[in-house]
């Protein structure tokens, strides 16, 4: 997962509140840091995405493949 895919996944899953979650919600799975802090410190976006999903109870069916664009036809 790239940073752009992470951003897209957050926007798709959480809408307008996504930015606040990334900035404010402390994620235990990434060392008690916010998603923004973890990304800035080099934690892989996929790891941060899964931590954010776990902390907010996103169903696993919506975690995998999130943020990817549909292939061009």
N, C-alpha and C. Protein backbone atom coordinates (compact mmCIF):
# COMPACT_ATOMS: atom_id res chain seq x y z
N UNK A 1 0.85 -1.18 0.00
CA UNK A 1 0.00 0.00 0.00
C UNK A 1 0.89 1.23 0.00
N UNK A 2 0.57 2.14 -0.87
CA UNK A 2 1.29 3.43 -0.94
C UNK A 2 0.57 4.45 -0.05
N UNK A 3 1.25 5.56 0.19
CA UNK A 3 0.64 6.62 0.99
C UNK A 3 -0.64 7.12 0.33
N UNK A 4 -0.64 7.26 -0.99
CA UNK A 4 -1.84 7.73 -1.69
C UNK A 4 -2.99 6.74 -1.54
N UNK A 5 -2.68 5.45 -1.54
CA UNK A 5 -3.71 4.43 -1.34
C UNK A 5 -4.24 4.47 0.09
N UNK A 6 -3.34 4.72 1.04
CA UNK A 6 -3.77 4.88 2.43
C UNK A 6 -4.75 6.04 2.55
N UNK A 7 -4.38 7.18 1.96
CA UNK A 7 -5.25 8.36 2.02
C UNK A 7 -6.62 8.08 1.39
N UNK A 8 -6.63 7.39 0.25
CA UNK A 8 -7.87 7.05 -0.43
C UNK A 8 -8.70 6.09 0.41
N UNK A 9 -8.05 5.10 1.01
CA UNK A 9 -8.76 4.13 1.85
C UNK A 9 -9.40 4.81 3.06
N UNK A 10 -8.67 5.72 3.69
CA UNK A 10 -9.22 6.46 4.84
C UNK A 10 -10.43 7.28 4.41
N UNK A 11 -10.31 7.99 3.30
CA UNK A 11 -11.42 8.82 2.82
C UNK A 11 -12.62 7.96 2.46
N UNK A 12 -12.39 6.83 1.81
CA UNK A 12 -13.50 5.96 1.41
C UNK A 12 -14.20 5.35 2.63
N UNK A 13 -13.43 4.95 3.62
CA UNK A 13 -14.01 4.26 4.78
C UNK A 13 -14.61 5.23 5.79
N UNK A 14 -13.95 6.35 6.04
CA UNK A 14 -14.35 7.23 7.14
C UNK A 14 -14.92 8.57 6.71
N UNK A 15 -14.85 8.87 5.42
CA UNK A 15 -15.40 10.13 4.93
C UNK A 15 -14.68 11.34 5.52
N UNK A 16 -15.47 12.37 5.80
CA UNK A 16 -14.90 13.62 6.29
C UNK A 16 -14.22 13.48 7.65
N UNK A 17 -14.63 12.49 8.42
CA UNK A 17 -14.02 12.29 9.74
C UNK A 17 -12.68 11.58 9.69
N UNK A 18 -12.29 11.11 8.54
CA UNK A 18 -11.04 10.37 8.41
C UNK A 18 -9.81 11.16 8.79
N UNK A 19 -9.77 12.40 8.40
CA UNK A 19 -8.60 13.24 8.71
C UNK A 19 -8.42 13.39 10.22
N UNK A 20 -9.52 13.52 10.94
CA UNK A 20 -9.44 13.64 12.40
C UNK A 20 -8.95 12.34 13.02
N UNK A 21 -9.41 11.20 12.51
CA UNK A 21 -8.94 9.92 13.04
C UNK A 21 -7.44 9.75 12.83
N UNK A 22 -6.97 10.09 11.64
CA UNK A 22 -5.55 9.96 11.33
C UNK A 22 -4.71 10.86 12.23
N UNK A 23 -5.22 12.02 12.53
CA UNK A 23 -4.47 12.99 13.34
C UNK A 23 -4.58 12.76 14.84
N UNK A 24 -5.71 12.22 15.30
CA UNK A 24 -5.98 12.22 16.74
C UNK A 24 -6.06 10.86 17.43
N UNK A 25 -6.48 9.82 16.71
CA UNK A 25 -6.68 8.52 17.34
C UNK A 25 -5.35 7.82 17.57
N UNK A 26 -5.08 7.49 18.81
CA UNK A 26 -3.84 6.78 19.16
C UNK A 26 -4.03 5.30 18.91
N UNK A 27 -3.10 4.72 18.15
CA UNK A 27 -3.18 3.32 17.74
C UNK A 27 -2.16 2.51 18.52
N UNK A 28 -2.63 1.59 19.33
CA UNK A 28 -1.72 0.79 20.14
C UNK A 28 -0.83 -0.11 19.29
N UNK A 29 -1.34 -0.57 18.15
CA UNK A 29 -0.59 -1.51 17.31
C UNK A 29 0.63 -0.90 16.64
N UNK A 30 0.72 0.41 16.62
CA UNK A 30 1.89 1.07 16.02
C UNK A 30 2.64 1.89 17.07
N UNK A 31 2.69 1.36 18.26
CA UNK A 31 3.49 1.99 19.30
C UNK A 31 2.87 3.18 19.99
N UNK A 32 1.54 3.14 20.15
CA UNK A 32 0.83 4.23 20.83
C UNK A 32 1.08 5.57 20.17
N UNK A 33 1.00 5.56 18.85
CA UNK A 33 1.14 6.79 18.06
C UNK A 33 -0.11 6.97 17.23
N UNK A 34 -0.33 8.19 16.77
CA UNK A 34 -1.42 8.40 15.82
C UNK A 34 -0.96 7.87 14.47
N UNK A 35 -1.92 7.70 13.56
CA UNK A 35 -1.57 7.25 12.21
C UNK A 35 -0.62 8.25 11.56
N UNK A 36 -0.87 9.52 11.74
CA UNK A 36 0.00 10.56 11.15
C UNK A 36 1.42 10.44 11.69
N UNK A 37 1.56 10.27 13.00
CA UNK A 37 2.89 10.13 13.60
C UNK A 37 3.59 8.88 13.10
N UNK A 38 2.85 7.77 13.05
CA UNK A 38 3.45 6.51 12.61
C UNK A 38 3.94 6.61 11.17
N UNK A 39 3.13 7.19 10.30
CA UNK A 39 3.54 7.34 8.91
C UNK A 39 4.77 8.25 8.80
N UNK A 40 4.78 9.34 9.56
CA UNK A 40 5.91 10.27 9.53
C UNK A 40 7.19 9.62 10.03
N UNK A 41 7.05 8.62 10.90
CA UNK A 41 8.22 7.94 11.46
C UNK A 41 8.60 6.69 10.68
N UNK A 42 7.96 6.51 9.51
CA UNK A 42 8.38 5.44 8.62
C UNK A 42 7.66 4.12 8.73
N UNK A 43 6.59 4.06 9.51
CA UNK A 43 5.82 2.82 9.58
C UNK A 43 5.09 2.66 8.23
N UNK A 44 5.08 1.45 7.71
CA UNK A 44 4.46 1.18 6.42
C UNK A 44 2.98 1.55 6.43
N UNK A 45 2.50 2.20 5.37
CA UNK A 45 1.09 2.58 5.32
C UNK A 45 0.14 1.41 5.51
N UNK A 46 0.46 0.23 4.98
CA UNK A 46 -0.41 -0.94 5.16
C UNK A 46 -0.53 -1.31 6.64
N UNK A 47 0.57 -1.26 7.36
CA UNK A 47 0.55 -1.57 8.79
C UNK A 47 -0.30 -0.55 9.55
N UNK A 48 -0.17 0.71 9.19
CA UNK A 48 -0.96 1.76 9.83
C UNK A 48 -2.44 1.58 9.49
N UNK A 49 -2.73 1.24 8.23
CA UNK A 49 -4.12 1.01 7.82
C UNK A 49 -4.76 -0.10 8.63
N UNK A 50 -4.06 -1.23 8.75
CA UNK A 50 -4.61 -2.35 9.52
C UNK A 50 -4.79 -1.97 10.99
N UNK A 51 -3.87 -1.21 11.55
CA UNK A 51 -4.00 -0.77 12.94
C UNK A 51 -5.21 0.15 13.10
N UNK A 52 -5.40 1.06 12.15
CA UNK A 52 -6.55 1.96 12.19
C UNK A 52 -7.85 1.18 12.07
N UNK A 53 -7.88 0.21 11.18
CA UNK A 53 -9.07 -0.63 11.01
C UNK A 53 -9.38 -1.42 12.28
N UNK A 54 -8.35 -2.00 12.88
CA UNK A 54 -8.56 -2.79 14.09
C UNK A 54 -9.09 -1.91 15.23
N UNK A 55 -8.53 -0.74 15.36
CA UNK A 55 -8.92 0.17 16.44
C UNK A 55 -10.35 0.68 16.28
N UNK A 56 -10.82 0.77 15.03
CA UNK A 56 -12.15 1.32 14.76
C UNK A 56 -13.16 0.26 14.35
N UNK A 57 -12.78 -1.02 14.48
CA UNK A 57 -13.68 -2.14 14.19
C UNK A 57 -14.21 -2.18 12.75
N UNK A 58 -13.35 -1.83 11.80
CA UNK A 58 -13.71 -1.98 10.39
C UNK A 58 -13.73 -3.48 10.09
N UNK A 59 -14.80 -3.99 9.49
CA UNK A 59 -14.85 -5.42 9.16
C UNK A 59 -13.70 -5.82 8.23
N UNK A 60 -13.17 -7.00 8.43
CA UNK A 60 -12.01 -7.43 7.64
C UNK A 60 -12.30 -7.46 6.15
N UNK A 61 -13.53 -7.66 5.75
CA UNK A 61 -13.87 -7.66 4.33
C UNK A 61 -13.61 -6.32 3.67
N UNK A 62 -13.61 -5.24 4.45
CA UNK A 62 -13.36 -3.90 3.90
C UNK A 62 -11.93 -3.43 4.12
N UNK A 63 -11.10 -4.24 4.74
CA UNK A 63 -9.72 -3.84 5.00
C UNK A 63 -8.79 -4.14 3.84
N UNK A 64 -8.98 -5.27 3.20
CA UNK A 64 -8.05 -5.75 2.19
C UNK A 64 -8.38 -5.15 0.83
N UNK A 65 -7.35 -4.63 0.18
CA UNK A 65 -7.52 -4.03 -1.14
C UNK A 65 -8.07 -2.61 -1.09
N UNK A 66 -8.22 -2.07 0.08
CA UNK A 66 -8.76 -0.70 0.22
C UNK A 66 -7.77 0.30 -0.35
N UNK A 67 -8.30 1.33 -0.97
CA UNK A 67 -7.46 2.40 -1.49
C UNK A 67 -6.98 2.20 -2.91
N UNK A 68 -7.15 1.01 -3.44
CA UNK A 68 -6.70 0.75 -4.80
C UNK A 68 -7.71 1.28 -5.80
N UNK A 69 -7.18 1.76 -6.89
CA UNK A 69 -8.04 2.21 -7.98
C UNK A 69 -8.42 1.00 -8.83
N UNK A 70 -9.58 1.08 -9.45
CA UNK A 70 -9.98 0.03 -10.38
C UNK A 70 -9.07 0.09 -11.60
N UNK A 71 -8.67 -1.05 -12.14
CA UNK A 71 -7.81 -1.04 -13.32
C UNK A 71 -8.51 -0.42 -14.52
N UNK A 72 -7.72 0.21 -15.36
CA UNK A 72 -8.29 0.79 -16.59
C UNK A 72 -8.69 -0.32 -17.53
N UNK A 73 -9.71 -0.10 -18.28
CA UNK A 73 -10.19 -1.11 -19.23
C UNK A 73 -9.75 -0.80 -20.63
